[in-house]
């Protein structure tokens, strides 16, 4: 999914808030972002936030198919990415994915569509009307410096189910409870869907070197006794060996995202991740110059088999992209 904001904020990431304590559950509230104009698809963006930009290498989370604007289809024309992986996870519906390395795939519930942008890629996403309105989460994973210049590629992996107490899990990235798919990851991390029945509970063992977040899709969900509502994310800092989850009369569903704290500093602006202001300017120039000038519709990002025009990049900020305190 593209970040379709007309004035995307620049964030220099890779710092950890000083207030982290292993005995505290921090509940993060999403902000609503309309994607695509007057009849926009509304998403709830939980990551990044100024006070909590990443969870491990997970650096972006758009939650869609809930609340006002949920009935709108997803139509995202070709757009570029650099320095990251996109991880598409659906609860319902279908989305057609096309990219510039020739991939054509249907994003469907129970399977992870994972695109590694590396040095640069472009792709499109269009929901399928016959399958109803898509409901899911678009996630980005920042690539470490030694992998961010790699050749782009795409893979589709089925999630691996496992039962822990009352919870049914589908592990779609990394490993959890001893299981996991053969999906490419470049830093230690985990991603899993967690479903609890009405009044169900479970105790999940955690890697104490990881930080974790539980993004609630159906609930509320109680995380170590702290309630998190739908679209909220309960953050758990490193140092924990387990977490207790419990549901009320409606049951609960959440995504468990975790990973070793990402210590490299990086800049994320629009759909690009780089390390310096100059890199971001160059990425935009390569994309925008080819798109607008018409020299090559996609330039170094490659061409997508799509009936329509690619997305132009928004203007660069008037100030230099730099770290924020």
C-alpha atoms as a PDB file:
ATOM      1  CA  UNK A   1       0.000   0.000   0.000  1.00  0.00           C
ATOM      2  CA  UNK A   2       1.158   3.501  -0.783  1.00  0.00           C
ATOM      3  CA  UNK A   3       1.210   6.327   1.714  1.00  0.00           C
ATOM      4  CA  UNK A   4      -1.218   8.597  -0.171  1.00  0.00           C
ATOM      5  CA  UNK A   5      -0.926  11.576   2.158  1.00  0.00           C
ATOM      6  CA  UNK A   6      -0.290  14.803   0.231  1.00  0.00           C
ATOM      7  CA  UNK A   7       2.091  16.075   2.905  1.00  0.00           C
ATOM      8  CA  UNK A   8       3.721  13.006   4.479  1.00  0.00           C
ATOM      9  CA  UNK A   9       5.670  13.661   7.641  1.00  0.00           C
ATOM     10  CA  UNK A  10       9.346  12.867   7.606  1.00  0.00           C
ATOM     11  CA  UNK A  11      10.512  10.669  10.435  1.00  0.00           C
ATOM     12  CA  UNK A  12      14.067   9.763  11.337  1.00  0.00           C
ATOM     13  CA  UNK A  13      13.748   6.521  13.185  1.00  0.00           C
ATOM     14  CA  UNK A  14      15.818   4.185  15.266  1.00  0.00           C
ATOM     15  CA  UNK A  15      15.652   5.767  18.739  1.00  0.00           C
ATOM     16  CA  UNK A  16      14.016   4.253  21.809  1.00  0.00           C
ATOM     17  CA  UNK A  17      11.918   6.308  24.269  1.00  0.00           C
ATOM     18  CA  UNK A  18      13.573   6.667  27.671  1.00  0.00           C
ATOM     19  CA  UNK A  19      10.349   5.872  29.562  1.00  0.00           C
ATOM     20  CA  UNK A  20      10.241   2.164  28.610  1.00  0.00           C
ATOM     21  CA  UNK A  21       9.593  -0.125  31.577  1.00  0.00           C
ATOM     22  CA  UNK A  22       9.009  -3.891  31.321  1.00  0.00           C
ATOM     23  CA  UNK A  23       6.112  -3.769  33.809  1.00  0.00           C
ATOM     24  CA  UNK A  24       4.067  -1.202  31.844  1.00  0.00           C
ATOM     25  CA  UNK A  25       1.623  -1.821  28.999  1.00  0.00           C
ATOM     26  CA  UNK A  26       1.546   1.270  26.777  1.00  0.00           C
ATOM     27  CA  UNK A  27      -1.645   1.636  24.699  1.00  0.00           C
ATOM     28  CA  UNK A  28      -1.115   3.461  21.402  1.00  0.00           C
ATOM     29  CA  UNK A  29      -4.033   5.137  19.638  1.00  0.00           C
ATOM     30  CA  UNK A  30      -4.218   5.097  15.851  1.00  0.00           C
ATOM     31  CA  UNK A  31      -4.796   8.200  13.749  1.00  0.00           C
ATOM     32  CA  UNK A  32      -7.317   8.167  10.919  1.00  0.00           C
ATOM     33  CA  UNK A  33      -5.860   8.726   7.447  1.00  0.00           C
ATOM     34  CA  UNK A  34      -8.081   9.019   4.326  1.00  0.00           C
ATOM     35  CA  UNK A  35      -6.414   7.447   1.304  1.00  0.00           C
ATOM     36  CA  UNK A  36      -7.368   8.650  -2.146  1.00  0.00           C
ATOM     37  CA  UNK A  37      -9.465  11.808  -2.194  1.00  0.00           C
ATOM     38  CA  UNK A  38     -13.115  12.648  -1.489  1.00  0.00           C
ATOM     39  CA  UNK A  39     -14.359   9.024  -1.567  1.00  0.00           C
ATOM     40  CA  UNK A  40     -11.330   7.871   0.333  1.00  0.00           C
ATOM     41  CA  UNK A  41     -10.677   4.535   1.911  1.00  0.00           C
ATOM     42  CA  UNK A  42     -10.155   5.261   5.593  1.00  0.00           C
ATOM     43  CA  UNK A  43      -7.269   3.577   7.389  1.00  0.00           C
ATOM     44  CA  UNK A  44      -6.179   3.650  11.026  1.00  0.00           C
ATOM     45  CA  UNK A  45      -2.409   4.210  11.199  1.00  0.00           C
ATOM     46  CA  UNK A  46      -0.778   2.941  14.382  1.00  0.00           C
ATOM     47  CA  UNK A  47       2.845   2.983  13.241  1.00  0.00           C
ATOM     48  CA  UNK A  48       4.885   5.101  13.016  1.00  0.00           C
ATOM     49  CA  UNK A  49       4.242   7.458  15.923  1.00  0.00           C
ATOM     50  CA  UNK A  50       6.545  10.154  17.266  1.00  0.00           C
ATOM     51  CA  UNK A  51       6.888   8.419  20.604  1.00  0.00           C
ATOM     52  CA  UNK A  52       6.930   4.887  19.218  1.00  0.00           C
ATOM     53  CA  UNK A  53       8.132   4.798  15.606  1.00  0.00           C
ATOM     54  CA  UNK A  54       9.003   1.095  15.415  1.00  0.00           C
ATOM     55  CA  UNK A  55       8.400  -2.280  17.027  1.00  0.00           C
ATOM     56  CA  UNK A  56      11.471  -4.276  16.139  1.00  0.00           C
ATOM     57  CA  UNK A  57      11.847  -3.688  12.403  1.00  0.00           C
ATOM     58  CA  UNK A  58       8.072  -3.211  11.945  1.00  0.00           C
ATOM     59  CA  UNK A  59       7.852   0.469  10.973  1.00  0.00           C
ATOM     60  CA  UNK A  60       4.390   1.012   9.449  1.00  0.00           C
ATOM     61  CA  UNK A  61       0.899  -0.362  10.162  1.00  0.00           C
ATOM     62  CA  UNK A  62      -2.251   0.698   8.310  1.00  0.00           C
ATOM     63  CA  UNK A  63      -5.427  -1.035   9.557  1.00  0.00           C
ATOM     64  CA  UNK A  64      -8.318  -0.903   7.072  1.00  0.00           C
ATOM     65  CA  UNK A  65     -11.872  -2.183   6.633  1.00  0.00           C
ATOM     66  CA  UNK A  66     -13.169  -0.763   9.932  1.00  0.00           C
ATOM     67  CA  UNK A  67     -15.438   2.202  10.749  1.00  0.00           C
ATOM     68  CA  UNK A  68     -16.445   5.054   8.420  1.00  0.00           C
ATOM     69  CA  UNK A  69     -14.982   4.641   4.959  1.00  0.00           C
ATOM     70  CA  UNK A  70     -14.702   0.878   5.379  1.00  0.00           C
ATOM     71  CA  UNK A  71     -17.000   0.207   2.406  1.00  0.00           C
ATOM     72  CA  UNK A  72     -14.652   1.901  -0.049  1.00  0.00           C
ATOM     73  CA  UNK A  73     -12.617  -0.340  -2.365  1.00  0.00           C
ATOM     74  CA  UNK A  74      -8.838  -0.310  -2.448  1.00  0.00           C
ATOM     75  CA  UNK A  75      -7.455   1.059  -5.718  1.00  0.00           C
ATOM     76  CA  UNK A  76      -3.773   1.983  -5.400  1.00  0.00           C
ATOM     77  CA  UNK A  77      -2.005   2.646  -8.742  1.00  0.00           C
ATOM     78  CA  UNK A  78       1.675   1.784  -9.233  1.00  0.00           C
ATOM     79  CA  UNK A  79       3.975   3.489  -6.735  1.00  0.00           C
ATOM     80  CA  UNK A  80       7.582   2.962  -5.629  1.00  0.00           C
ATOM     81  CA  UNK A  81       9.290   1.610  -2.519  1.00  0.00           C
ATOM     82  CA  UNK A  82      12.903   1.440  -1.364  1.00  0.00           C
ATOM     83  CA  UNK A  83      14.690  -0.017   1.648  1.00  0.00           C
ATOM     84  CA  UNK A  84      11.753  -1.972   3.082  1.00  0.00           C
ATOM     85  CA  UNK A  85       9.488  -4.994   2.879  1.00  0.00           C
ATOM     86  CA  UNK A  86       5.708  -4.719   2.512  1.00  0.00           C
ATOM     87  CA  UNK A  87       3.784  -7.425   4.385  1.00  0.00           C
ATOM     88  CA  UNK A  88       0.113  -7.689   3.395  1.00  0.00           C
ATOM     89  CA  UNK A  89      -2.217  -9.562   5.780  1.00  0.00           C
ATOM     90  CA  UNK A  90      -5.985  -9.893   5.259  1.00  0.00           C
ATOM     91  CA  UNK A  91      -8.811 -10.927   7.575  1.00  0.00           C
ATOM     92  CA  UNK A  92     -11.350 -10.940   4.715  1.00  0.00           C
ATOM     93  CA  UNK A  93     -11.618  -9.991   1.043  1.00  0.00           C
ATOM     94  CA  UNK A  94      -9.048 -10.262  -1.745  1.00  0.00           C
ATOM     95  CA  UNK A  95      -6.545  -7.795  -3.216  1.00  0.00           C
ATOM     96  CA  UNK A  96      -4.737  -8.176  -6.521  1.00  0.00           C
ATOM     97  CA  UNK A  97      -1.026  -7.425  -6.270  1.00  0.00           C
ATOM     98  CA  UNK A  98       1.108  -6.647  -9.351  1.00  0.00           C
ATOM     99  CA  UNK A  99       4.721  -5.532  -9.256  1.00  0.00           C
ATOM    100  CA  UNK A 100       7.654  -4.628 -11.462  1.00  0.00           C
ATOM    101  CA  UNK A 101       9.434  -7.962 -11.029  1.00  0.00           C
ATOM    102  CA  UNK A 102       6.493  -9.597 -12.821  1.00  0.00           C
ATOM    103  CA  UNK A 103       4.515 -10.881  -9.833  1.00  0.00           C
ATOM    104  CA  UNK A 104       0.744 -11.300 -10.007  1.00  0.00           C
ATOM    105  CA  UNK A 105      -0.785 -12.549  -6.768  1.00  0.00           C
ATOM    106  CA  UNK A 106      -4.077 -12.488  -4.878  1.00  0.00           C
ATOM    107  CA  UNK A 107      -3.678 -11.370  -1.282  1.00  0.00           C
ATOM    108  CA  UNK A 108      -6.046 -13.657   0.653  1.00  0.00           C
ATOM    109  CA  UNK A 109      -6.737 -14.437   4.315  1.00  0.00           C
ATOM    110  CA  UNK A 110      -4.343 -16.942   5.832  1.00  0.00           C
ATOM    111  CA  UNK A 111      -1.398 -16.148   3.571  1.00  0.00           C
ATOM    112  CA  UNK A 112       1.328 -13.521   3.740  1.00  0.00           C
ATOM    113  CA  UNK A 113       2.201 -11.553   0.609  1.00  0.00           C
ATOM    114  CA  UNK A 114       5.728 -10.289   1.244  1.00  0.00           C
ATOM    115  CA  UNK A 115       7.453  -7.893  -1.160  1.00  0.00           C
ATOM    116  CA  UNK A 116      11.111  -7.024  -0.587  1.00  0.00           C
ATOM    117  CA  UNK A 117      11.772  -3.658  -2.224  1.00  0.00           C
ATOM    118  CA  UNK A 118      15.530  -3.614  -1.675  1.00  0.00           C
ATOM    119  CA  UNK A 119      17.118  -1.038  -4.008  1.00  0.00           C
ATOM    120  CA  UNK A 120      13.719  -0.229  -5.544  1.00  0.00           C
ATOM    121  CA  UNK A 121      10.455  -1.700  -6.830  1.00  0.00           C
ATOM    122  CA  UNK A 122       6.990  -0.501  -7.870  1.00  0.00           C
ATOM    123  CA  UNK A 123       3.632  -2.211  -7.401  1.00  0.00           C
ATOM    124  CA  UNK A 124      -0.144  -1.756  -7.523  1.00  0.00           C
ATOM    125  CA  UNK A 125      -2.958  -3.036  -5.296  1.00  0.00           C
ATOM    126  CA  UNK A 126      -6.616  -3.358  -6.321  1.00  0.00           C
ATOM    127  CA  UNK A 127      -9.343  -5.027  -4.245  1.00  0.00           C
ATOM    128  CA  UNK A 128     -11.586  -7.594  -5.946  1.00  0.00           C
ATOM    129  CA  UNK A 129     -15.261  -6.594  -5.930  1.00  0.00           C
ATOM    130  CA  UNK A 130     -16.519 -10.190  -5.910  1.00  0.00           C
ATOM    131  CA  UNK A 131     -14.803 -10.812  -2.570  1.00  0.00           C
ATOM    132  CA  UNK A 132     -16.298  -7.809  -0.765  1.00  0.00           C
ATOM    133  CA  UNK A 133     -14.573  -4.943   0.965  1.00  0.00           C
ATOM    134  CA  UNK A 134     -11.016  -5.802   2.036  1.00  0.00           C
ATOM    135  CA  UNK A 135     -10.322  -5.888   5.767  1.00  0.00           C
ATOM    136  CA  UNK A 136      -6.764  -6.263   6.923  1.00  0.00           C
ATOM    137  CA  UNK A 137      -3.460  -4.656   7.801  1.00  0.00           C
ATOM    138  CA  UNK A 138      -0.667  -3.351   5.596  1.00  0.00           C
ATOM    139  CA  UNK A 139       2.692  -3.601   7.330  1.00  0.00           C
ATOM    140  CA  UNK A 140       6.174  -2.379   6.411  1.00  0.00           C
ATOM    141  CA  UNK A 141       9.456  -3.800   7.690  1.00  0.00           C
ATOM    142  CA  UNK A 142      12.586  -1.661   7.496  1.00  0.00           C
ATOM    143  CA  UNK A 143      15.591  -3.424   5.942  1.00  0.00           C
ATOM    144  CA  UNK A 144      18.965  -3.230   7.692  1.00  0.00           C
ATOM    145  CA  UNK A 145      21.789  -1.486   5.885  1.00  0.00           C
ATOM    146  CA  UNK A 146      23.381  -4.710   4.657  1.00  0.00           C
ATOM    147  CA  UNK A 147      20.141  -5.770   2.894  1.00  0.00           C
ATOM    148  CA  UNK A 148      18.574  -2.532   1.704  1.00  0.00           C
ATOM    149  CA  UNK A 149      20.432  -2.437  -1.636  1.00  0.00           C
ATOM    150  CA  UNK A 150      19.471  -6.009  -2.576  1.00  0.00           C
ATOM    151  CA  UNK A 151      17.576  -6.946  -5.729  1.00  0.00           C
ATOM    152  CA  UNK A 152      13.772  -6.753  -5.290  1.00  0.00           C
ATOM    153  CA  UNK A 153      11.676  -9.918  -5.083  1.00  0.00           C
ATOM    154  CA  UNK A 154       8.221 -11.172  -4.056  1.00  0.00           C
ATOM    155  CA  UNK A 155       7.006 -14.226  -2.168  1.00  0.00           C
ATOM    156  CA  UNK A 156       3.724 -15.654  -0.911  1.00  0.00           C
ATOM    157  CA  UNK A 157       3.727 -17.861   2.189  1.00  0.00           C
ATOM    158  CA  UNK A 158       0.931 -19.637   4.020  1.00  0.00           C
ATOM    159  CA  UNK A 159       0.711 -18.943   7.750  1.00  0.00           C
ATOM    160  CA  UNK A 160       1.460 -21.800  10.165  1.00  0.00           C
ATOM    161  CA  UNK A 161      -1.262 -22.525  12.767  1.00  0.00           C
ATOM    162  CA  UNK A 162      -0.558 -23.298  16.415  1.00  0.00           C
ATOM    163  CA  UNK A 163      -2.751 -23.495  19.537  1.00  0.00           C
ATOM    164  CA  UNK A 164      -1.590 -21.928  22.822  1.00  0.00           C
ATOM    165  CA  UNK A 165      -4.142 -22.204  25.624  1.00  0.00           C
ATOM    166  CA  UNK A 166      -7.445 -20.842  24.343  1.00  0.00           C
ATOM    167  CA  UNK A 167      -5.702 -18.879  21.582  1.00  0.00           C
ATOM    168  CA  UNK A 168      -5.508 -19.964  17.966  1.00  0.00           C
ATOM    169  CA  UNK A 169      -2.471 -18.424  16.274  1.00  0.00           C
ATOM    170  CA  UNK A 170      -1.446 -18.099  12.641  1.00  0.00           C
ATOM    171  CA  UNK A 171       2.273 -17.341  12.479  1.00  0.00           C
ATOM    172  CA  UNK A 172       3.063 -15.464   9.256  1.00  0.00           C
ATOM    173  CA  UNK A 173       6.581 -14.102   9.869  1.00  0.00           C
ATOM    174  CA  UNK A 174       9.521 -15.307  11.914  1.00  0.00           C
ATOM    175  CA  UNK A 175       8.824 -18.042  14.454  1.00  0.00           C
ATOM    176  CA  UNK A 176       6.557 -18.273  17.479  1.00  0.00           C
ATOM    177  CA  UNK A 177       5.725 -21.196  19.774  1.00  0.00           C
ATOM    178  CA  UNK A 178       8.184 -23.265  17.743  1.00  0.00           C
ATOM    179  CA  UNK A 179       6.556 -22.754  14.340  1.00  0.00           C
ATOM    180  CA  UNK A 180       6.795 -20.312  11.446  1.00  0.00           C
ATOM    181  CA  UNK A 181       6.695 -20.012   7.654  1.00  0.00           C
ATOM    182  CA  UNK A 182       9.687 -19.978   5.335  1.00  0.00           C
ATOM    183  CA  UNK A 183       9.385 -16.238   4.722  1.00  0.00           C
ATOM    184  CA  UNK A 184      12.417 -14.014   4.129  1.00  0.00           C
ATOM    185  CA  UNK A 185      13.290 -11.820   7.099  1.00  0.00           C
ATOM    186  CA  UNK A 186      16.477  -9.811   7.595  1.00  0.00           C
ATOM    187  CA  UNK A 187      16.258  -9.027  11.313  1.00  0.00           C
ATOM    188  CA  UNK A 188      14.918 -11.116  14.241  1.00  0.00           C
ATOM    189  CA  UNK A 189      11.131 -10.610  14.295  1.00  0.00           C
ATOM    190  CA  UNK A 190       7.741 -12.269  14.617  1.00  0.00           C
ATOM    191  CA  UNK A 191       4.276 -11.675  13.173  1.00  0.00           C
ATOM    192  CA  UNK A 192       1.161 -13.687  14.056  1.00  0.00           C
ATOM    193  CA  UNK A 193      -2.622 -13.421  14.155  1.00  0.00           C
ATOM    194  CA  UNK A 194      -4.045 -14.282  17.585  1.00  0.00           C
ATOM    195  CA  UNK A 195      -7.717 -15.283  17.964  1.00  0.00           C
ATOM    196  CA  UNK A 196      -9.440 -15.779  21.321  1.00  0.00           C
ATOM    197  CA  UNK A 197     -12.983 -17.176  21.766  1.00  0.00           C
ATOM    198  CA  UNK A 198     -15.524 -15.436  24.025  1.00  0.00           C
ATOM    199  CA  UNK A 199     -14.118 -15.241  27.570  1.00  0.00           C
ATOM    200  CA  UNK A 200     -10.991 -17.065  26.399  1.00  0.00           C
ATOM    201  CA  UNK A 201      -7.522 -16.459  27.782  1.00  0.00           C
ATOM    202  CA  UNK A 202      -3.939 -17.515  27.196  1.00  0.00           C
ATOM    203  CA  UNK A 203      -0.400 -16.981  28.440  1.00  0.00           C
ATOM    204  CA  UNK A 204       2.015 -16.452  25.551  1.00  0.00           C
ATOM    205  CA  UNK A 205       5.743 -16.987  26.072  1.00  0.00           C
ATOM    206  CA  UNK A 206       7.807 -14.093  24.698  1.00  0.00           C
ATOM    207  CA  UNK A 207      11.419 -13.660  23.640  1.00  0.00           C
ATOM    208  CA  UNK A 208      12.693 -11.242  26.334  1.00  0.00           C
ATOM    209  CA  UNK A 209      15.121  -9.639  23.851  1.00  0.00           C
ATOM    210  CA  UNK A 210      12.162  -8.560  21.673  1.00  0.00           C
ATOM    211  CA  UNK A 211       9.745  -5.671  22.036  1.00  0.00           C
ATOM    212  CA  UNK A 212       6.157  -6.578  21.116  1.00  0.00           C
ATOM    213  CA  UNK A 213       2.887  -4.984  20.126  1.00  0.00           C
ATOM    214  CA  UNK A 214      -0.667  -6.343  19.945  1.00  0.00           C
ATOM    215  CA  UNK A 215      -2.775  -4.518  17.338  1.00  0.00           C
ATOM    216  CA  UNK A 216      -6.433  -5.172  18.177  1.00  0.00           C
ATOM    217  CA  UNK A 217      -8.780  -5.966  15.281  1.00  0.00           C
ATOM    218  CA  UNK A 218     -11.737  -7.327  17.284  1.00  0.00           C
ATOM    219  CA  UNK A 219     -12.205  -6.942  20.977  1.00  0.00           C
ATOM    220  CA  UNK A 220     -11.585  -5.374  23.338  1.00  0.00           C
ATOM    221  CA  UNK A 221      -8.516  -7.358  24.372  1.00  0.00           C
ATOM    222  CA  UNK A 222      -7.005  -7.282  27.842  1.00  0.00           C
ATOM    223  CA  UNK A 223      -3.201  -7.379  27.816  1.00  0.00           C
ATOM    224  CA  UNK A 224      -1.798  -8.110  31.293  1.00  0.00           C
ATOM    225  CA  UNK A 225      -5.055  -6.659  32.610  1.00  0.00           C
ATOM    226  CA  UNK A 226      -4.875  -3.460  30.520  1.00  0.00           C
ATOM    227  CA  UNK A 227      -7.704  -3.042  28.039  1.00  0.00           C
ATOM    228  CA  UNK A 228      -6.973  -2.186  24.401  1.00  0.00           C
ATOM    229  CA  UNK A 229      -9.856  -1.369  22.055  1.00  0.00           C
ATOM    230  CA  UNK A 230     -10.208  -2.055  18.337  1.00  0.00           C
ATOM    231  CA  UNK A 231      -7.498  -0.233  16.282  1.00  0.00           C
ATOM    232  CA  UNK A 232      -5.400   0.346  19.429  1.00  0.00           C
ATOM    233  CA  UNK A 233      -1.990  -1.243  19.902  1.00  0.00           C
ATOM    234  CA  UNK A 234      -0.725  -2.503  23.266  1.00  0.00           C
ATOM    235  CA  UNK A 235       3.060  -2.090  23.407  1.00  0.00           C
ATOM    236  CA  UNK A 236       5.328  -4.297  25.526  1.00  0.00           C
ATOM    237  CA  UNK A 237       8.978  -3.310  25.973  1.00  0.00           C
ATOM    238  CA  UNK A 238      11.847  -5.847  26.036  1.00  0.00           C
ATOM    239  CA  UNK A 239      12.474  -7.822  29.195  1.00  0.00           C
ATOM    240  CA  UNK A 240       9.204  -9.755  29.356  1.00  0.00           C
ATOM    241  CA  UNK A 241       9.125 -13.534  29.248  1.00  0.00           C
ATOM    242  CA  UNK A 242       5.336 -13.823  28.830  1.00  0.00           C
ATOM    243  CA  UNK A 243       2.094 -11.905  28.379  1.00  0.00           C
ATOM    244  CA  UNK A 244      -1.433 -12.756  29.543  1.00  0.00           C
ATOM    245  CA  UNK A 245      -4.266 -12.138  27.082  1.00  0.00           C
ATOM    246  CA  UNK A 246      -7.982 -12.372  27.791  1.00  0.00           C
ATOM    247  CA  UNK A 247     -11.181 -11.641  25.877  1.00  0.00           C
ATOM    248  CA  UNK A 248     -14.689 -10.611  26.847  1.00  0.00           C
ATOM    249  CA  UNK A 249     -18.053 -11.870  25.651  1.00  0.00           C
ATOM    250  CA  UNK A 250     -17.326 -11.070  21.982  1.00  0.00           C
ATOM    251  CA  UNK A 251     -13.939 -12.767  21.821  1.00  0.00           C
ATOM    252  CA  UNK A 252     -10.898 -10.965  20.448  1.00  0.00           C
ATOM    253  CA  UNK A 253      -8.527 -10.897  17.520  1.00  0.00           C
ATOM    254  CA  UNK A 254      -5.157  -9.141  17.291  1.00  0.00           C
ATOM    255  CA  UNK A 255      -1.895  -9.133  15.418  1.00  0.00           C
ATOM    256  CA  UNK A 256       1.195  -9.880  17.492  1.00  0.00           C
ATOM    257  CA  UNK A 257       4.172  -7.960  16.092  1.00  0.00           C
ATOM    258  CA  UNK A 258       7.591  -8.218  17.671  1.00  0.00           C
ATOM    259  CA  UNK A 259      11.288  -8.040  17.088  1.00  0.00           C
ATOM    260  CA  UNK A 260      14.694  -7.087  18.383  1.00  0.00           C
ATOM    261  CA  UNK A 261      14.806  -3.289  18.783  1.00  0.00           C
ATOM    262  CA  UNK A 262      16.013  -1.801  15.492  1.00  0.00           C
ATOM    263  CA  UNK A 263      19.078   0.264  16.321  1.00  0.00           C
ATOM    264  CA  UNK A 264      19.992   1.706  12.912  1.00  0.00           C
ATOM    265  CA  UNK A 265      18.826   5.255  12.258  1.00  0.00           C
ATOM    266  CA  UNK A 266      16.835   5.791   9.085  1.00  0.00           C
ATOM    267  CA  UNK A 267      14.555   8.293   7.385  1.00  0.00           C
ATOM    268  CA  UNK A 268      11.093   7.283   6.169  1.00  0.00           C
ATOM    269  CA  UNK A 269       9.313   9.730   3.848  1.00  0.00           C
ATOM    270  CA  UNK A 270       6.370   8.882   1.581  1.00  0.00           C
ATOM    271  CA  UNK A 271       7.113   5.353   0.301  1.00  0.00           C
ATOM    272  CA  UNK A 272      10.880   5.563   0.638  1.00  0.00           C
ATOM    273  CA  UNK A 273      13.257   4.509   3.381  1.00  0.00           C
ATOM    274  CA  UNK A 274      16.817   5.826   3.263  1.00  0.00           C
ATOM    275  CA  UNK A 275      19.569   6.930   5.560  1.00  0.00           C
ATOM    276  CA  UNK A 276      20.101  10.551   4.485  1.00  0.00           C
ATOM    277  CA  UNK A 277      18.180  13.531   3.143  1.00  0.00           C
ATOM    278  CA  UNK A 278      20.144  13.260  -0.096  1.00  0.00           C
ATOM    279  CA  UNK A 279      19.071   9.642  -0.600  1.00  0.00           C
ATOM    280  CA  UNK A 280      15.389  10.508  -0.229  1.00  0.00           C
ATOM    281  CA  UNK A 281      15.737  13.415  -2.673  1.00  0.00           C
ATOM    282  CA  UNK A 282      17.417  11.095  -5.177  1.00  0.00           C
ATOM    283  CA  UNK A 283      14.726   8.401  -4.836  1.00  0.00           C
ATOM    284  CA  UNK A 284      11.977  10.961  -5.407  1.00  0.00           C
ATOM    285  CA  UNK A 285      13.817  12.522  -8.337  1.00  0.00           C
ATOM    286  CA  UNK A 286      14.260   9.141 -10.040  1.00  0.00           C
ATOM    287  CA  UNK A 287      10.580   8.285  -9.632  1.00  0.00           C
ATOM    288  CA  UNK A 288       9.051  11.690 -10.215  1.00  0.00           C
ATOM    289  CA  UNK A 289      11.304  12.710 -13.092  1.00  0.00           C
ATOM    290  CA  UNK A 290      10.407   9.637 -15.091  1.00  0.00           C
ATOM    291  CA  UNK A 291       6.706   9.726 -14.222  1.00  0.00           C
ATOM    292  CA  UNK A 292       6.114  13.411 -14.970  1.00  0.00           C
ATOM    293  CA  UNK A 293       8.621  13.945 -17.774  1.00  0.00           C
ATOM    294  CA  UNK A 294       7.561  10.749 -19.511  1.00  0.00           C
ATOM    295  CA  UNK A 295      11.108   9.634 -20.267  1.00  0.00           C
ATOM    296  CA  UNK A 296      10.267   6.216 -18.860  1.00  0.00           C
ATOM    297  CA  UNK A 297       6.999   5.498 -16.978  1.00  0.00           C
ATOM    298  CA  UNK A 298       8.795   3.756 -14.127  1.00  0.00           C
ATOM    299  CA  UNK A 299      12.497   4.347 -14.603  1.00  0.00           C
ATOM    300  CA  UNK A 300      14.827   2.340 -12.340  1.00  0.00           C
ATOM    301  CA  UNK A 301      11.861   1.072 -10.297  1.00  0.00           C
ATOM    302  CA  UNK A 302      10.633  -1.084 -13.180  1.00  0.00           C
ATOM    303  CA  UNK A 303       7.260  -1.316 -14.923  1.00  0.00           C
ATOM    304  CA  UNK A 304       3.976  -2.687 -13.574  1.00  0.00           C
ATOM    305  CA  UNK A 305       1.405  -4.282 -15.892  1.00  0.00           C
ATOM    306  CA  UNK A 306      -1.380  -1.864 -14.939  1.00  0.00           C
ATOM    307  CA  UNK A 307      -4.104  -0.079 -16.920  1.00  0.00           C
ATOM    308  CA  UNK A 308      -3.609   3.455 -15.659  1.00  0.00           C
ATOM    309  CA  UNK A 309      -1.075   6.052 -14.612  1.00  0.00           C
ATOM    310  CA  UNK A 310       1.369   5.643 -11.712  1.00  0.00           C
ATOM    311  CA  UNK A 311       1.123   7.806  -8.608  1.00  0.00           C
ATOM    312  CA  UNK A 312       3.163  11.016  -8.625  1.00  0.00           C
ATOM    313  CA  UNK A 313       5.275  11.740  -5.574  1.00  0.00           C
ATOM    314  CA  UNK A 314       4.243  14.586  -3.252  1.00  0.00           C
ATOM    315  CA  UNK A 315       6.498  17.670  -3.066  1.00  0.00           C
ATOM    316  CA  UNK A 316       9.530  17.461  -0.838  1.00  0.00           C
ATOM    317  CA  UNK A 317       9.304  19.404   2.439  1.00  0.00           C
ATOM    318  CA  UNK A 318      10.708  22.926   2.335  1.00  0.00           C
ATOM    319  CA  UNK A 319      13.166  22.030   5.095  1.00  0.00           C
ATOM    320  CA  UNK A 320      15.909  19.441   5.213  1.00  0.00           C
ATOM    321  CA  UNK A 321      14.897  16.014   6.490  1.00  0.00           C
ATOM    322  CA  UNK A 322      16.656  15.619   9.815  1.00  0.00           C
ATOM    323  CA  UNK A 323      16.306  13.870  13.187  1.00  0.00           C
ATOM    324  CA  UNK A 324      13.627  15.048  15.609  1.00  0.00           C
ATOM    325  CA  UNK A 325      14.162  15.159  19.347  1.00  0.00           C
END
